[in-house]
């Protein structure tokens, strides 16, 4: 087992579900390039885990992985936390109160994570997968749009503001970091959570941006059910198949 895999296994020791996803051999990447053969990806269900320790585990995984390390996708929730991207303005944190604020190394401005929100971290060797950063962002947005469509929800992405929206309200946020040609951080999908903390910030740097969630729109009512519904769409968008 590589050092990267060992770290991920240690993080996921409690309640993780690991599933191998085989790559689609010779499939064309979204950019039209032919993707090389890659080792099977691993999907982990981590439950509710601390934000900072998970972030550090993603960094370690990325720093220690090599060309033979399988990609991993982590499904999880976090306790309440605000996170600020590398170039984010602290002015967008209006009144955090008792919720901690963590400065992190992803792109984007400020967002909120909390119980009832599904967080998805795709740890992908982008060079090996022949994916660009925009390809990855588009894949994450597309899988949420396709999930919403399963429940009769019309969702869309916006080129000027990454994420997924329903009738102008934000359903999912995307923030990525690429290091050594590999991605970490990822997607936050609002499922069934208290949206009040979003009023303590300018979400993603947009004053007055309203949020929405799947349970209010007729979608899944728990992160676990949302993960079950999202997983096949995500694997398809990333051109992986179980």
Protein backbone atom coordinates (compact mmCIF):
# COMPACT_ATOMS: atom_id res chain seq x y z
CA UNK A 1 0.00 0.00 0.00
CA UNK A 2 1.38 3.42 -0.95
CA UNK A 3 1.78 6.17 1.62
CA UNK A 4 -1.11 8.06 0.02
CA UNK A 5 -3.42 5.06 0.29
CA UNK A 6 -2.35 4.43 3.88
CA UNK A 7 -3.24 7.97 4.91
CA UNK A 8 -6.66 7.73 3.27
CA UNK A 9 -7.30 4.38 4.94
CA UNK A 10 -6.41 5.82 8.34
CA UNK A 11 -8.83 8.71 7.84
CA UNK A 12 -11.63 6.38 6.73
CA UNK A 13 -11.20 3.76 9.43
CA UNK A 14 -14.67 4.40 10.90
CA UNK A 15 -17.72 3.76 8.72
CA UNK A 16 -16.03 4.05 5.34
CA UNK A 17 -17.36 2.14 2.35
CA UNK A 18 -14.69 1.47 -0.25
CA UNK A 19 -15.75 0.58 -3.79
CA UNK A 20 -13.46 0.08 -6.76
CA UNK A 21 -14.49 1.89 -9.93
CA UNK A 22 -12.86 0.64 -13.12
CA UNK A 23 -11.82 3.18 -15.76
CA UNK A 24 -13.44 3.15 -19.15
CA UNK A 25 -10.55 1.86 -21.28
CA UNK A 26 -9.57 4.17 -24.10
CA UNK A 27 -12.43 6.59 -23.40
CA UNK A 28 -12.06 10.07 -24.81
CA UNK A 29 -11.56 12.80 -22.22
CA UNK A 30 -13.92 15.82 -22.29
CA UNK A 31 -11.29 17.81 -24.17
CA UNK A 32 -11.16 15.19 -26.93
CA UNK A 33 -7.82 13.71 -25.80
CA UNK A 34 -7.55 9.95 -25.37
CA UNK A 35 -7.13 8.99 -21.75
CA UNK A 36 -4.47 6.36 -20.96
CA UNK A 37 -5.19 3.22 -18.97
CA UNK A 38 -5.46 4.11 -15.28
CA UNK A 39 -5.75 2.02 -12.11
CA UNK A 40 -9.24 1.53 -10.65
CA UNK A 41 -10.49 4.48 -8.61
CA UNK A 42 -11.58 4.09 -4.98
CA UNK A 43 -14.73 5.60 -3.50
CA UNK A 44 -14.85 6.24 0.22
CA UNK A 45 -17.88 7.10 2.38
CA UNK A 46 -16.36 8.84 5.41
CA UNK A 47 -19.42 10.03 7.32
CA UNK A 48 -19.09 13.24 9.34
CA UNK A 49 -15.44 14.22 9.76
CA UNK A 50 -13.52 17.24 11.04
CA UNK A 51 -12.72 19.79 8.34
CA UNK A 52 -9.08 20.60 9.06
CA UNK A 53 -7.91 17.01 9.56
CA UNK A 54 -9.64 16.02 6.31
CA UNK A 55 -8.03 18.92 4.46
CA UNK A 56 -4.59 17.90 5.75
CA UNK A 57 -5.27 14.28 4.73
CA UNK A 58 -6.09 15.46 1.19
CA UNK A 59 -2.83 17.40 1.08
CA UNK A 60 -0.83 14.38 2.28
CA UNK A 61 -2.54 12.10 -0.22
CA UNK A 62 -1.73 14.53 -3.05
CA UNK A 63 1.89 15.04 -1.97
CA UNK A 64 2.60 11.32 -1.51
CA UNK A 65 0.78 9.88 -4.51
CA UNK A 66 2.68 8.67 -7.56
CA UNK A 67 1.80 7.53 -11.08
CA UNK A 68 0.50 4.19 -9.78
CA UNK A 69 -1.72 5.63 -7.02
CA UNK A 70 -5.43 5.10 -7.73
CA UNK A 71 -7.62 8.17 -7.79
CA UNK A 72 -10.03 8.48 -4.87
CA UNK A 73 -13.41 10.15 -4.38
CA UNK A 74 -14.42 10.97 -0.82
CA UNK A 75 -18.08 11.48 0.15
CA UNK A 76 -18.57 13.09 3.56
CA UNK A 77 -20.08 15.79 5.78
CA UNK A 78 -18.35 18.36 7.98
CA UNK A 79 -19.30 19.92 11.32
CA UNK A 80 -20.12 23.66 10.97
CA UNK A 81 -17.22 25.63 9.49
CA UNK A 82 -16.63 28.62 7.22
CA UNK A 83 -13.74 28.26 4.78
CA UNK A 84 -11.93 31.07 2.98
CA UNK A 85 -10.09 30.44 -0.30
CA UNK A 86 -6.54 31.58 -1.01
CA UNK A 87 -7.47 34.97 -2.46
CA UNK A 88 -10.69 35.45 -0.49
CA UNK A 89 -11.53 38.69 1.23
CA UNK A 90 -12.26 38.48 4.95
CA UNK A 91 -14.79 41.25 4.36
CA UNK A 92 -17.15 38.58 3.02
CA UNK A 93 -17.31 36.99 6.49
CA UNK A 94 -19.96 39.21 8.06
CA UNK A 95 -20.68 37.68 11.49
CA UNK A 96 -19.32 34.18 11.98
CA UNK A 97 -20.38 33.97 15.61
CA UNK A 98 -19.44 30.62 17.13
CA UNK A 99 -18.65 28.94 13.80
CA UNK A 100 -14.89 28.63 13.15
CA UNK A 101 -13.29 30.26 10.10
CA UNK A 102 -10.52 28.32 8.36
CA UNK A 103 -8.22 29.78 5.69
CA UNK A 104 -7.55 27.09 3.09
CA UNK A 105 -5.65 26.56 -0.14
CA UNK A 106 -8.51 26.16 -2.64
CA UNK A 107 -9.73 28.72 -5.11
CA UNK A 108 -12.83 30.83 -4.53
CA UNK A 109 -14.10 33.04 -1.77
CA UNK A 110 -15.95 32.07 1.44
CA UNK A 111 -18.42 29.23 1.86
CA UNK A 112 -20.07 27.26 4.64
CA UNK A 113 -20.00 23.53 5.39
CA UNK A 114 -22.24 21.87 7.93
CA UNK A 115 -24.26 18.76 8.79
CA UNK A 116 -26.78 17.93 6.08
CA UNK A 117 -24.51 19.08 3.26
CA UNK A 118 -22.88 16.47 1.04
CA UNK A 119 -19.21 17.23 0.38
CA UNK A 120 -17.40 15.41 -2.43
CA UNK A 121 -13.62 15.51 -2.76
CA UNK A 122 -12.30 14.09 -6.06
CA UNK A 123 -8.60 13.31 -5.66
CA UNK A 124 -7.76 12.92 -9.34
CA UNK A 125 -4.46 12.72 -11.22
CA UNK A 126 -5.56 15.22 -13.86
CA UNK A 127 -2.58 14.68 -16.14
CA UNK A 128 -3.13 10.93 -16.19
CA UNK A 129 -6.87 11.39 -16.71
CA UNK A 130 -6.27 13.96 -19.49
CA UNK A 131 -8.52 16.43 -17.68
CA UNK A 132 -8.04 20.16 -17.44
CA UNK A 133 -9.20 22.18 -14.45
CA UNK A 134 -12.19 23.48 -16.39
CA UNK A 135 -13.05 19.90 -17.39
CA UNK A 136 -13.12 18.87 -13.74
CA UNK A 137 -15.26 21.83 -12.68
CA UNK A 138 -17.66 21.13 -15.53
CA UNK A 139 -17.87 17.44 -14.56
CA UNK A 140 -18.71 18.33 -10.95
CA UNK A 141 -21.38 20.79 -12.06
CA UNK A 142 -22.79 18.33 -14.62
CA UNK A 143 -23.22 15.51 -12.12
CA UNK A 144 -25.29 17.76 -9.84
CA UNK A 145 -27.40 19.00 -12.77
CA UNK A 146 -28.05 15.40 -13.82
CA UNK A 147 -28.91 14.38 -10.24
CA UNK A 148 -31.36 17.28 -9.97
CA UNK A 149 -32.97 16.27 -13.27
CA UNK A 150 -33.68 12.79 -11.83
CA UNK A 151 -36.03 14.52 -9.38
CA UNK A 152 -37.59 16.91 -11.86
CA UNK A 153 -35.45 19.85 -10.74
CA UNK A 154 -34.16 22.21 -13.44
CA UNK A 155 -30.63 23.19 -12.42
CA UNK A 156 -27.95 25.01 -14.37
CA UNK A 157 -24.35 26.16 -14.20
CA UNK A 158 -23.06 29.68 -14.83
CA UNK A 159 -19.83 30.37 -16.67
CA UNK A 160 -19.20 33.55 -14.66
CA UNK A 161 -19.81 31.97 -11.24
CA UNK A 162 -18.89 28.28 -10.77
CA UNK A 163 -21.49 26.10 -9.08
CA UNK A 164 -25.03 24.93 -9.71
CA UNK A 165 -28.13 27.10 -9.45
CA UNK A 166 -31.91 26.59 -9.36
CA UNK A 167 -33.99 29.63 -10.24
CA UNK A 168 -31.07 31.90 -9.30
CA UNK A 169 -30.47 30.25 -5.92
CA UNK A 170 -27.25 28.33 -5.34
CA UNK A 171 -27.59 24.60 -4.80
CA UNK A 172 -23.93 23.53 -5.00
CA UNK A 173 -20.53 25.20 -4.76
CA UNK A 174 -17.27 24.16 -6.40
CA UNK A 175 -13.74 24.98 -5.27
CA UNK A 176 -10.65 23.15 -6.51
CA UNK A 177 -6.93 23.09 -5.81
CA UNK A 178 -4.44 21.48 -8.19
CA UNK A 179 -0.97 20.54 -6.96
CA UNK A 180 1.58 18.26 -8.62
CA UNK A 181 -0.94 17.78 -11.43
CA UNK A 182 -3.61 16.36 -9.09
CA UNK A 183 -6.81 17.81 -7.66
CA UNK A 184 -8.24 18.07 -4.17
CA UNK A 185 -11.06 20.00 -2.49
CA UNK A 186 -14.17 19.77 -4.67
CA UNK A 187 -17.96 20.02 -4.40
CA UNK A 188 -20.41 21.02 -1.65
CA UNK A 189 -24.04 20.08 -2.35
CA UNK A 190 -26.78 21.42 -0.08
CA UNK A 191 -29.09 18.54 0.80
CA UNK A 192 -30.94 19.06 4.09
CA UNK A 193 -29.21 21.54 6.37
CA UNK A 194 -29.76 24.73 8.32
CA UNK A 195 -29.13 27.45 5.73
CA UNK A 196 -28.97 30.24 8.34
CA UNK A 197 -25.13 30.30 8.49
CA UNK A 198 -25.03 31.34 4.83
CA UNK A 199 -26.63 34.62 5.93
CA UNK A 200 -23.54 35.30 8.04
CA UNK A 201 -21.37 35.52 4.91
CA UNK A 202 -21.48 36.72 1.32
CA UNK A 203 -21.58 33.22 -0.17
CA UNK A 204 -18.78 32.75 -2.68
CA UNK A 205 -18.20 36.51 -2.48
CA UNK A 206 -21.67 37.50 -3.76
CA UNK A 207 -23.64 39.84 -1.53
CA UNK A 208 -27.24 38.73 -1.14
CA UNK A 209 -26.80 35.41 -2.94
CA UNK A 210 -29.62 33.10 -1.86
CA UNK A 211 -29.06 29.40 -1.24
CA UNK A 212 -31.32 26.43 -1.76
CA UNK A 213 -31.17 22.70 -1.01
CA UNK A 214 -32.40 19.42 -2.43
CA UNK A 215 -34.94 18.64 0.29
CA UNK A 216 -36.81 21.90 -0.43
CA UNK A 217 -36.92 21.08 -4.15
CA UNK A 218 -38.24 17.52 -3.88
CA UNK A 219 -34.85 15.79 -3.93
CA UNK A 220 -33.09 13.44 -1.48
CA UNK A 221 -33.49 14.29 2.20
CA UNK A 222 -30.11 13.11 3.52
CA UNK A 223 -26.47 13.28 2.42
CA UNK A 224 -26.30 9.48 2.32
CA UNK A 225 -29.25 9.26 -0.08
CA UNK A 226 -27.86 12.14 -2.12
CA UNK A 227 -24.49 10.37 -2.34
CA UNK A 228 -26.18 7.20 -3.58
CA UNK A 229 -27.99 9.19 -6.28
CA UNK A 230 -24.99 11.34 -7.20
CA UNK A 231 -22.34 8.62 -7.43
CA UNK A 232 -23.30 7.16 -10.84
CA UNK A 233 -23.59 10.63 -12.36
CA UNK A 234 -20.19 11.62 -10.97
CA UNK A 235 -18.50 8.46 -12.23
CA UNK A 236 -20.04 9.03 -15.64
CA UNK A 237 -18.96 12.68 -15.74
CA UNK A 238 -15.41 11.64 -14.83
CA UNK A 239 -15.58 8.73 -17.28
CA UNK A 240 -15.27 6.07 -14.61
CA UNK A 241 -17.63 3.10 -14.34
CA UNK A 242 -18.26 0.58 -11.57
